[in-house]
Amino acid sequence: MKQQTDSAWSLWQNRRRRQSLVGKISAFFFLCAALALLDGLQTLVRTDASEIWLIAGNSEGVSGACPFQNPVQSDIEATFMPKDAPVSFELEGFFSGYLIGNGMWRGTVSASSNATTQDCSLTVSFRGMTEGQRFRLRLFASPEDREHASPSFILRFFGLEPFIAAAFLAGTAFLFGFVSFLLGRANLSLLQDLGHAEVFRTASVEPEEVRLWCSANGRTDLRPGQILSVLNGSGESLCEGVVKHVEKNVLCLSVPVGIPVHPGCLVDLSDRGK
């Protein structure tokens, strides 16, 4: 019987170490996801809304406000600077704005397959209007050129879009977190079988008294004044605690000040002290 108990304790300690390791890995991936998200946000801040990045042979959608009520294709004009820039503009049509229903236009800017790395501009104007909407076009001969010029640290050094990297890292963190949760559930069940409960909260309430809380494991025979042993995470005895009360399956004990009791310590519920 003692061998079985020792084996269960060994299994519980091994599971606890694995859970701690998996939890740290999950926290690490969450931190990396947060950093990737911040990298993506600072990239958006440092990139002007009217700035369009194009790789040779690719295209991007553009849109803007339309001053006419019933516009036609001939009302709109696209001008590039320089005029021989290796880009083209194609109007897709007109539509109503999503927020307040104002008129909008939508088109596509395409870079030729032999475009070299350079900057140019596109101005979209309407007939009779002196000013138009201006876009800054940044052309890149290859994806590598675009990565080197990006304000994103992750894109420059790892070749990954920061928001995609953040989503992947967060998903990995959730996966490790779920594994840690499953290990915790299994370990809690094993600890209950051993007749122990894990301390989840401690607090100093009086100059010479510390209160600690743990699960009562469904026990209904625990009474105020009963004495229970408090152990550290390795199963070594620290002190004896006095039961203060049991409420909603939560057990509260009192221990002397100066005892190194903290969340993660154990309470032996199998004791029958007076």
C-alpha atoms as a PDB file:
ATOM      1  CA  MET A   1       0.000   0.000   0.000  1.00  0.00           C
ATOM      2  CA  LYS A   2       2.859   2.361   0.884  1.00  0.00           C
ATOM      3  CA  GLN A   3       4.535   1.578  -2.441  1.00  0.00           C
ATOM      4  CA  GLN A   4       1.337   2.510  -4.264  1.00  0.00           C
ATOM      5  CA  THR A   5       1.149   5.781  -2.309  1.00  0.00           C
ATOM      6  CA  ASP A   6       4.800   6.583  -3.008  1.00  0.00           C
ATOM      7  CA  SER A   7       4.229   5.822  -6.697  1.00  0.00           C
ATOM      8  CA  ALA A   8       1.192   8.147  -6.758  1.00  0.00           C
ATOM      9  CA  TRP A   9       3.191  10.928  -5.079  1.00  0.00           C
ATOM     10  CA  SER A  10       5.997  10.490  -7.598  1.00  0.00           C
ATOM     11  CA  LEU A  11       3.490  10.645 -10.458  1.00  0.00           C
ATOM     12  CA  TRP A  12       1.890  13.777  -8.986  1.00  0.00           C
ATOM     13  CA  GLN A  13       5.246  15.539  -8.638  1.00  0.00           C
ATOM     14  CA  ASN A  14       6.268  14.601 -12.194  1.00  0.00           C
ATOM     15  CA  ARG A  15       2.962  15.863 -13.551  1.00  0.00           C
ATOM     16  CA  ARG A  16       3.323  19.063 -11.588  1.00  0.00           C
ATOM     17  CA  ARG A  17       6.779  19.681 -13.050  1.00  0.00           C
ATOM     18  CA  ARG A  18       5.485  19.000 -16.545  1.00  0.00           C
ATOM     19  CA  GLN A  19       2.520  21.304 -15.997  1.00  0.00           C
ATOM     20  CA  SER A  20       4.829  24.057 -14.795  1.00  0.00           C
ATOM     21  CA  LEU A  21       7.076  23.622 -17.839  1.00  0.00           C
ATOM     22  CA  VAL A  22       4.145  23.587 -20.281  1.00  0.00           C
ATOM     23  CA  GLY A  23       2.673  26.656 -18.562  1.00  0.00           C
ATOM     24  CA  LYS A  24       5.960  28.535 -18.958  1.00  0.00           C
ATOM     25  CA  ILE A  25       6.110  27.579 -22.633  1.00  0.00           C
ATOM     26  CA  SER A  26       2.542  28.843 -23.089  1.00  0.00           C
ATOM     27  CA  ALA A  27       3.436  32.136 -21.378  1.00  0.00           C
ATOM     28  CA  PHE A  28       6.507  32.475 -23.608  1.00  0.00           C
ATOM     29  CA  PHE A  29       4.427  32.069 -26.779  1.00  0.00           C
ATOM     30  CA  PHE A  30       1.833  34.551 -25.472  1.00  0.00           C
ATOM     31  CA  LEU A  31       4.627  37.061 -24.891  1.00  0.00           C
ATOM     32  CA  CYS A  32       5.959  36.486 -28.405  1.00  0.00           C
ATOM     33  CA  ALA A  33       2.427  36.919 -29.818  1.00  0.00           C
ATOM     34  CA  ALA A  34       2.054  40.223 -27.962  1.00  0.00           C
ATOM     35  CA  LEU A  35       5.401  41.442 -29.313  1.00  0.00           C
ATOM     36  CA  ALA A  36       4.407  40.419 -32.851  1.00  0.00           C
ATOM     37  CA  LEU A  37       1.123  42.283 -32.461  1.00  0.00           C
ATOM     38  CA  LEU A  38       2.943  45.395 -31.254  1.00  0.00           C
ATOM     39  CA  ASP A  39       5.312  45.096 -34.205  1.00  0.00           C
ATOM     40  CA  GLY A  40       2.338  44.985 -36.577  1.00  0.00           C
ATOM     41  CA  LEU A  41       0.684  47.981 -34.900  1.00  0.00           C
ATOM     42  CA  GLN A  42       3.824  50.111 -35.061  1.00  0.00           C
ATOM     43  CA  THR A  43       4.118  49.162 -38.730  1.00  0.00           C
ATOM     44  CA  LEU A  44       0.597  50.487 -39.353  1.00  0.00           C
ATOM     45  CA  VAL A  45       1.379  53.681 -37.463  1.00  0.00           C
ATOM     46  CA  ARG A  46       4.574  54.278 -39.443  1.00  0.00           C
ATOM     47  CA  THR A  47       2.896  53.538 -42.787  1.00  0.00           C
ATOM     48  CA  ASP A  48       0.735  56.298 -44.250  1.00  0.00           C
ATOM     49  CA  ALA A  49      -2.841  55.327 -45.129  1.00  0.00           C
ATOM     50  CA  SER A  50      -2.324  56.578 -48.674  1.00  0.00           C
ATOM     51  CA  GLU A  51       0.894  54.574 -49.117  1.00  0.00           C
ATOM     52  CA  ILE A  52       0.667  51.463 -51.301  1.00  0.00           C
ATOM     53  CA  TRP A  53       3.417  48.856 -51.486  1.00  0.00           C
ATOM     54  CA  LEU A  54       3.567  46.825 -54.685  1.00  0.00           C
ATOM     55  CA  ILE A  55       5.791  43.952 -55.745  1.00  0.00           C
ATOM     56  CA  ALA A  56       6.500  43.631 -59.484  1.00  0.00           C
ATOM     57  CA  GLY A  57       3.667  41.725 -61.157  1.00  0.00           C
ATOM     58  CA  ASN A  58       1.222  42.234 -58.271  1.00  0.00           C
ATOM     59  CA  SER A  59      -1.749  44.544 -57.786  1.00  0.00           C
ATOM     60  CA  GLU A  60      -3.558  46.262 -54.914  1.00  0.00           C
ATOM     61  CA  GLY A  61      -7.057  47.667 -54.532  1.00  0.00           C
ATOM     62  CA  VAL A  62      -7.581  51.396 -53.938  1.00  0.00           C
ATOM     63  CA  SER A  63     -10.679  53.450 -53.277  1.00  0.00           C
ATOM     64  CA  GLY A  64     -11.782  56.969 -52.477  1.00  0.00           C
ATOM     65  CA  ALA A  65     -14.639  59.420 -52.243  1.00  0.00           C
ATOM     66  CA  CYS A  66     -16.656  60.408 -55.296  1.00  0.00           C
ATOM     67  CA  PRO A  67     -17.951  64.031 -55.491  1.00  0.00           C
ATOM     68  CA  PHE A  68     -20.599  63.262 -58.149  1.00  0.00           C
ATOM     69  CA  GLN A  69     -24.027  61.790 -57.527  1.00  0.00           C
ATOM     70  CA  ASN A  70     -24.211  59.699 -60.694  1.00  0.00           C
ATOM     71  CA  PRO A  71     -20.618  59.355 -61.948  1.00  0.00           C
ATOM     72  CA  VAL A  72     -19.525  57.560 -65.099  1.00  0.00           C
ATOM     73  CA  GLN A  73     -16.140  56.140 -65.986  1.00  0.00           C
ATOM     74  CA  SER A  74     -15.188  59.155 -68.109  1.00  0.00           C
ATOM     75  CA  ASP A  75     -15.518  61.438 -65.051  1.00  0.00           C
ATOM     76  CA  ILE A  76     -12.449  59.953 -63.397  1.00  0.00           C
ATOM     77  CA  GLU A  77      -8.831  60.361 -64.428  1.00  0.00           C
ATOM     78  CA  ALA A  78      -5.691  58.649 -63.112  1.00  0.00           C
ATOM     79  CA  THR A  79      -2.309  60.358 -63.431  1.00  0.00           C
ATOM     80  CA  PHE A  80       1.066  58.844 -62.563  1.00  0.00           C
ATOM     81  CA  MET A  81       4.251  60.682 -61.647  1.00  0.00           C
ATOM     82  CA  PRO A  82       6.580  60.075 -63.321  1.00  0.00           C
ATOM     83  CA  LYS A  83       4.409  59.502 -66.351  1.00  0.00           C
ATOM     84  CA  ASP A  84       6.436  56.499 -67.495  1.00  0.00           C
ATOM     85  CA  ALA A  85       6.091  54.718 -64.134  1.00  0.00           C
ATOM     86  CA  PRO A  86       5.710  50.908 -64.644  1.00  0.00           C
ATOM     87  CA  VAL A  87       2.219  50.853 -63.143  1.00  0.00           C
ATOM     88  CA  SER A  88      -1.348  50.955 -64.410  1.00  0.00           C
ATOM     89  CA  PHE A  89      -4.747  51.845 -62.992  1.00  0.00           C
ATOM     90  CA  GLU A  90      -8.069  50.131 -63.721  1.00  0.00           C
ATOM     91  CA  LEU A  91     -11.386  51.482 -62.477  1.00  0.00           C
ATOM     92  CA  GLU A  92     -13.647  48.746 -61.135  1.00  0.00           C
ATOM     93  CA  GLY A  93     -16.712  50.885 -60.515  1.00  0.00           C
ATOM     94  CA  PHE A  94     -18.639  53.063 -58.095  1.00  0.00           C
ATOM     95  CA  PHE A  95     -20.481  52.121 -54.896  1.00  0.00           C
ATOM     96  CA  SER A  96     -22.082  53.611 -51.785  1.00  0.00           C
ATOM     97  CA  GLY A  97     -19.962  54.089 -48.674  1.00  0.00           C
ATOM     98  CA  TYR A  98     -20.430  51.555 -45.876  1.00  0.00           C
ATOM     99  CA  LEU A  99     -20.841  54.095 -43.063  1.00  0.00           C
ATOM    100  CA  ILE A 100     -22.833  57.107 -44.270  1.00  0.00           C
ATOM    101  CA  GLY A 101     -23.763  56.022 -47.786  1.00  0.00           C
ATOM    102  CA  ASN A 102     -21.698  58.624 -49.638  1.00  0.00           C
ATOM    103  CA  GLY A 103     -20.477  57.897 -53.163  1.00  0.00           C
ATOM    104  CA  MET A 104     -17.204  56.023 -53.510  1.00  0.00           C
ATOM    105  CA  TRP A 105     -15.018  54.724 -56.322  1.00  0.00           C
ATOM    106  CA  ARG A 106     -12.926  51.575 -56.372  1.00  0.00           C
ATOM    107  CA  GLY A 107     -10.045  50.545 -58.608  1.00  0.00           C
ATOM    108  CA  THR A 108      -6.910  48.434 -58.917  1.00  0.00           C
ATOM    109  CA  VAL A 109      -3.283  49.539 -59.206  1.00  0.00           C
ATOM    110  CA  SER A 110      -0.972  47.018 -60.888  1.00  0.00           C
ATOM    111  CA  ALA A 111       2.802  46.959 -61.187  1.00  0.00           C
ATOM    112  CA  SER A 112       4.360  45.559 -64.351  1.00  0.00           C
ATOM    113  CA  SER A 113       6.341  42.347 -64.058  1.00  0.00           C
ATOM    114  CA  ASN A 114       9.598  44.111 -64.944  1.00  0.00           C
ATOM    115  CA  ALA A 115       9.168  46.973 -62.449  1.00  0.00           C
ATOM    116  CA  THR A 116      12.257  47.974 -60.508  1.00  0.00           C
ATOM    117  CA  THR A 117      12.446  49.181 -56.926  1.00  0.00           C
ATOM    118  CA  GLN A 118      11.364  52.831 -56.970  1.00  0.00           C
ATOM    119  CA  ASP A 119       8.823  55.343 -55.661  1.00  0.00           C
ATOM    120  CA  CYS A 120       6.113  57.000 -57.721  1.00  0.00           C
ATOM    121  CA  SER A 121       2.673  58.485 -57.171  1.00  0.00           C
ATOM    122  CA  LEU A 122      -0.887  58.094 -58.390  1.00  0.00           C
ATOM    123  CA  THR A 123      -3.392  60.959 -58.409  1.00  0.00           C
ATOM    124  CA  VAL A 124      -7.061  60.163 -58.971  1.00  0.00           C
ATOM    125  CA  SER A 125      -9.111  63.229 -59.874  1.00  0.00           C
ATOM    126  CA  PHE A 126     -12.586  63.958 -61.232  1.00  0.00           C
ATOM    127  CA  ARG A 127     -13.647  66.105 -64.161  1.00  0.00           C
ATOM    128  CA  GLY A 128     -13.801  69.768 -63.172  1.00  0.00           C
ATOM    129  CA  MET A 129     -11.995  69.213 -59.844  1.00  0.00           C
ATOM    130  CA  THR A 130      -8.670  70.993 -59.303  1.00  0.00           C
ATOM    131  CA  GLU A 131      -7.469  68.538 -56.654  1.00  0.00           C
ATOM    132  CA  GLY A 132      -7.560  64.785 -56.510  1.00  0.00           C
ATOM    133  CA  GLN A 133      -6.729  61.960 -54.153  1.00  0.00           C
ATOM    134  CA  ARG A 134      -3.009  61.222 -54.135  1.00  0.00           C
ATOM    135  CA  PHE A 135      -1.428  57.855 -53.393  1.00  0.00           C
ATOM    136  CA  ARG A 136       2.251  57.201 -52.842  1.00  0.00           C
ATOM    137  CA  LEU A 137       3.309  54.017 -54.638  1.00  0.00           C
ATOM    138  CA  ARG A 138       6.351  52.106 -53.474  1.00  0.00           C
ATOM    139  CA  LEU A 139       7.417  49.542 -56.049  1.00  0.00           C
ATOM    140  CA  PHE A 140       9.718  46.626 -55.300  1.00  0.00           C
ATOM    141  CA  ALA A 141      11.427  44.341 -57.770  1.00  0.00           C
ATOM    142  CA  SER A 142      11.103  41.309 -55.457  1.00  0.00           C
ATOM    143  CA  PRO A 143       9.538  40.251 -52.150  1.00  0.00           C
ATOM    144  CA  GLU A 144      13.010  40.394 -50.594  1.00  0.00           C
ATOM    145  CA  ASP A 145      13.311  44.094 -51.456  1.00  0.00           C
ATOM    146  CA  ARG A 146       9.939  44.752 -49.855  1.00  0.00           C
ATOM    147  CA  GLU A 147      10.959  42.867 -46.691  1.00  0.00           C
ATOM    148  CA  HIS A 148      14.196  44.843 -46.357  1.00  0.00           C
ATOM    149  CA  ALA A 149      12.340  48.157 -46.654  1.00  0.00           C
ATOM    150  CA  SER A 150       9.507  47.245 -44.264  1.00  0.00           C
ATOM    151  CA  PRO A 151       9.289  49.015 -40.868  1.00  0.00           C
ATOM    152  CA  SER A 152       8.261  45.625 -39.432  1.00  0.00           C
ATOM    153  CA  PHE A 153      11.069  43.920 -37.531  1.00  0.00           C
ATOM    154  CA  ILE A 154       9.456  40.497 -38.012  1.00  0.00           C
ATOM    155  CA  LEU A 155       9.027  40.963 -41.762  1.00  0.00           C
ATOM    156  CA  ARG A 156      12.592  42.211 -42.184  1.00  0.00           C
ATOM    157  CA  PHE A 157      14.311  39.451 -40.213  1.00  0.00           C
ATOM    158  CA  PHE A 158      11.931  36.499 -40.483  1.00  0.00           C
ATOM    159  CA  GLY A 159      10.016  37.149 -43.705  1.00  0.00           C
ATOM    160  CA  LEU A 160       6.623  36.863 -41.959  1.00  0.00           C
ATOM    161  CA  GLU A 161       3.756  39.327 -41.817  1.00  0.00           C
ATOM    162  CA  PRO A 162       3.537  40.451 -38.163  1.00  0.00           C
ATOM    163  CA  PHE A 163      -0.209  39.899 -37.740  1.00  0.00           C
ATOM    164  CA  ILE A 164       0.010  36.415 -39.255  1.00  0.00           C
ATOM    165  CA  ALA A 165       2.931  35.652 -36.949  1.00  0.00           C
ATOM    166  CA  ALA A 166       0.939  36.990 -33.969  1.00  0.00           C
ATOM    167  CA  ALA A 167      -2.044  34.766 -34.816  1.00  0.00           C
ATOM    168  CA  PHE A 168       0.183  31.685 -35.173  1.00  0.00           C
ATOM    169  CA  LEU A 169       2.025  32.377 -31.911  1.00  0.00           C
ATOM    170  CA  ALA A 170      -1.228  33.021 -30.027  1.00  0.00           C
ATOM    171  CA  GLY A 171      -2.692  29.773 -31.370  1.00  0.00           C
ATOM    172  CA  THR A 172       0.398  27.881 -30.228  1.00  0.00           C
ATOM    173  CA  ALA A 173       0.163  29.528 -26.804  1.00  0.00           C
ATOM    174  CA  PHE A 174      -3.499  28.497 -26.480  1.00  0.00           C
ATOM    175  CA  LEU A 175      -2.563  24.935 -27.429  1.00  0.00           C
ATOM    176  CA  PHE A 176       0.101  24.701 -24.725  1.00  0.00           C
ATOM    177  CA  GLY A 177      -2.261  26.409 -22.291  1.00  0.00           C
ATOM    178  CA  PHE A 178      -4.925  23.774 -22.980  1.00  0.00           C
ATOM    179  CA  VAL A 179      -2.374  21.004 -22.408  1.00  0.00           C
ATOM    180  CA  SER A 180      -1.425  22.671 -19.113  1.00  0.00           C
ATOM    181  CA  PHE A 181      -5.118  22.787 -18.175  1.00  0.00           C
ATOM    182  CA  LEU A 182      -5.549  19.071 -18.877  1.00  0.00           C
ATOM    183  CA  LEU A 183      -2.452  18.227 -16.826  1.00  0.00           C
ATOM    184  CA  GLY A 184      -3.821  20.353 -14.001  1.00  0.00           C
ATOM    185  CA  ARG A 185      -7.171  18.559 -14.058  1.00  0.00           C
ATOM    186  CA  ALA A 186      -5.493  15.155 -14.008  1.00  0.00           C
ATOM    187  CA  ASN A 187      -3.154  16.233 -11.226  1.00  0.00           C
ATOM    188  CA  LEU A 188      -6.002  17.650  -9.156  1.00  0.00           C
ATOM    189  CA  SER A 189      -7.877  14.363  -9.409  1.00  0.00           C
ATOM    190  CA  LEU A 190      -4.770  12.443  -8.339  1.00  0.00           C
ATOM    191  CA  LEU A 191      -4.192  14.828  -5.421  1.00  0.00           C
ATOM    192  CA  GLN A 192      -7.763  14.290  -4.239  1.00  0.00           C
ATOM    193  CA  ASP A 193      -7.202  10.531  -4.349  1.00  0.00           C
ATOM    194  CA  LEU A 194      -4.182  11.067  -2.076  1.00  0.00           C
ATOM    195  CA  GLY A 195      -6.366  12.968   0.384  1.00  0.00           C
ATOM    196  CA  HIS A 196      -4.687  16.346  -0.139  1.00  0.00           C
ATOM    197  CA  ALA A 197      -5.732  19.758  -1.433  1.00  0.00           C
ATOM    198  CA  GLU A 198      -3.612  22.498  -2.999  1.00  0.00           C
ATOM    199  CA  VAL A 199      -3.531  25.966  -1.454  1.00  0.00           C
ATOM    200  CA  PHE A 200      -4.743  28.563  -3.966  1.00  0.00           C
ATOM    201  CA  ARG A 201      -4.686  31.694  -1.790  1.00  0.00           C
ATOM    202  CA  THR A 202      -2.962  33.081   1.298  1.00  0.00           C
ATOM    203  CA  ALA A 203      -3.422  36.339   3.201  1.00  0.00           C
ATOM    204  CA  SER A 204      -2.224  37.944   6.443  1.00  0.00           C
ATOM    205  CA  VAL A 205      -5.274  38.880   8.531  1.00  0.00           C
ATOM    206  CA  GLU A 206      -3.711  39.492  11.955  1.00  0.00           C
ATOM    207  CA  PRO A 207      -0.193  40.356  13.175  1.00  0.00           C
ATOM    208  CA  GLU A 208       0.454  36.750  14.177  1.00  0.00           C
ATOM    209  CA  GLU A 209      -1.853  34.839  11.860  1.00  0.00           C
ATOM    210  CA  VAL A 210      -1.945  33.913   8.199  1.00  0.00           C
ATOM    211  CA  ARG A 211      -5.039  32.521   6.519  1.00  0.00           C
ATOM    212  CA  LEU A 212      -4.878  30.070   3.651  1.00  0.00           C
ATOM    213  CA  TRP A 213      -7.592  28.660   1.432  1.00  0.00           C
ATOM    214  CA  CYS A 214      -7.870  25.372  -0.437  1.00  0.00           C
ATOM    215  CA  SER A 215     -10.551  23.033  -1.737  1.00  0.00           C
ATOM    216  CA  ALA A 216     -12.363  20.890   0.813  1.00  0.00           C
ATOM    217  CA  ASN A 217     -12.546  18.085  -1.800  1.00  0.00           C
ATOM    218  CA  GLY A 218     -16.215  17.581  -0.991  1.00  0.00           C
ATOM    219  CA  ARG A 219     -15.507  16.742   2.660  1.00  0.00           C
ATOM    220  CA  THR A 220     -18.441  17.498   4.956  1.00  0.00           C
ATOM    221  CA  ASP A 221     -16.882  16.257   8.221  1.00  0.00           C
ATOM    222  CA  LEU A 222     -14.350  19.082   8.600  1.00  0.00           C
ATOM    223  CA  ARG A 223     -15.123  21.293  11.587  1.00  0.00           C
ATOM    224  CA  PRO A 224     -13.719  24.593  12.965  1.00  0.00           C
ATOM    225  CA  GLY A 225     -10.850  23.946  15.365  1.00  0.00           C
ATOM    226  CA  GLN A 226      -9.759  20.767  13.637  1.00  0.00           C
ATOM    227  CA  ILE A 227      -5.989  20.528  13.102  1.00  0.00           C
ATOM    228  CA  LEU A 228      -4.597  19.634   9.667  1.00  0.00           C
ATOM    229  CA  SER A 229      -1.032  19.320   8.428  1.00  0.00           C
ATOM    230  CA  VAL A 230       0.305  21.831   5.893  1.00  0.00           C
ATOM    231  CA  LEU A 231       3.033  20.613   3.544  1.00  0.00           C
ATOM    232  CA  ASN A 232       5.234  22.163   0.907  1.00  0.00           C
ATOM    233  CA  GLY A 233       5.090  21.175  -2.766  1.00  0.00           C
ATOM    234  CA  SER A 234       7.462  18.262  -2.150  1.00  0.00           C
ATOM    235  CA  GLY A 235       5.230  16.743   0.530  1.00  0.00           C
ATOM    236  CA  GLU A 236       7.401  17.830   3.501  1.00  0.00           C
ATOM    237  CA  SER A 237       5.583  19.027   6.600  1.00  0.00           C
ATOM    238  CA  LEU A 238       5.692  22.777   7.256  1.00  0.00           C
ATOM    239  CA  CYS A 239       3.311  23.296  10.154  1.00  0.00           C
ATOM    240  CA  GLU A 240      -0.138  22.527  11.494  1.00  0.00           C
ATOM    241  CA  GLY A 241      -3.127  24.648  10.551  1.00  0.00           C
ATOM    242  CA  VAL A 242      -6.377  25.183  12.414  1.00  0.00           C
ATOM    243  CA  VAL A 243      -9.617  24.979  10.451  1.00  0.00           C
ATOM    244  CA  LYS A 244     -11.499  28.264  10.644  1.00  0.00           C
ATOM    245  CA  HIS A 245     -14.498  27.455   8.467  1.00  0.00           C
ATOM    246  CA  VAL A 246     -15.690  25.520   5.426  1.00  0.00           C
ATOM    247  CA  GLU A 247     -17.984  27.271   2.968  1.00  0.00           C
ATOM    248  CA  LYS A 248     -19.055  26.178  -0.517  1.00  0.00           C
ATOM    249  CA  ASN A 249     -16.395  23.456  -0.616  1.00  0.00           C
ATOM    250  CA  VAL A 250     -13.657  25.989   0.230  1.00  0.00           C
ATOM    251  CA  LEU A 251     -11.619  25.303   3.360  1.00  0.00           C
ATOM    252  CA  CYS A 252     -10.016  28.165   5.317  1.00  0.00           C
ATOM    253  CA  LEU A 253      -7.195  27.470   7.781  1.00  0.00           C
ATOM    254  CA  SER A 254      -5.102  29.587  10.124  1.00  0.00           C
ATOM    255  CA  VAL A 255      -1.325  29.127  10.442  1.00  0.00           C
ATOM    256  CA  PRO A 256       1.332  31.079  12.401  1.00  0.00           C
ATOM    257  CA  VAL A 257       3.186  33.987  10.828  1.00  0.00           C
ATOM    258  CA  GLY A 258       6.661  33.185   9.534  1.00  0.00           C
ATOM    259  CA  ILE A 259       5.798  29.829   8.005  1.00  0.00           C
ATOM    260  CA  PRO A 260       6.684  29.791   4.260  1.00  0.00           C
ATOM    261  CA  VAL A 261       3.149  28.954   3.121  1.00  0.00           C
ATOM    262  CA  HIS A 262       2.180  30.107  -0.366  1.00  0.00           C
ATOM    263  CA  PRO A 263      -0.140  29.046  -3.206  1.00  0.00           C
ATOM    264  CA  GLY A 264       0.990  25.635  -4.358  1.00  0.00           C
ATOM    265  CA  CYS A 265       1.513  24.226  -0.853  1.00  0.00           C
ATOM    266  CA  LEU A 266      -0.648  21.300   0.263  1.00  0.00           C
ATOM    267  CA  VAL A 267      -3.093  20.551   3.049  1.00  0.00           C
ATOM    268  CA  ASP A 268      -3.440  16.969   4.298  1.00  0.00           C
ATOM    269  CA  LEU A 269      -7.207  16.469   4.622  1.00  0.00           C
ATOM    270  CA  SER A 270      -6.755  12.946   5.990  1.00  0.00           C
ATOM    271  CA  ASP A 271      -5.582  14.268   9.367  1.00  0.00           C
ATOM    272  CA  ARG A 272      -7.867  13.786  12.353  1.00  0.00           C
ATOM    273  CA  GLY A 273      -6.299  16.150  14.858  1.00  0.00           C
ATOM    274  CA  LYS A 274      -8.304  17.787  17.604  1.00  0.00           C
END
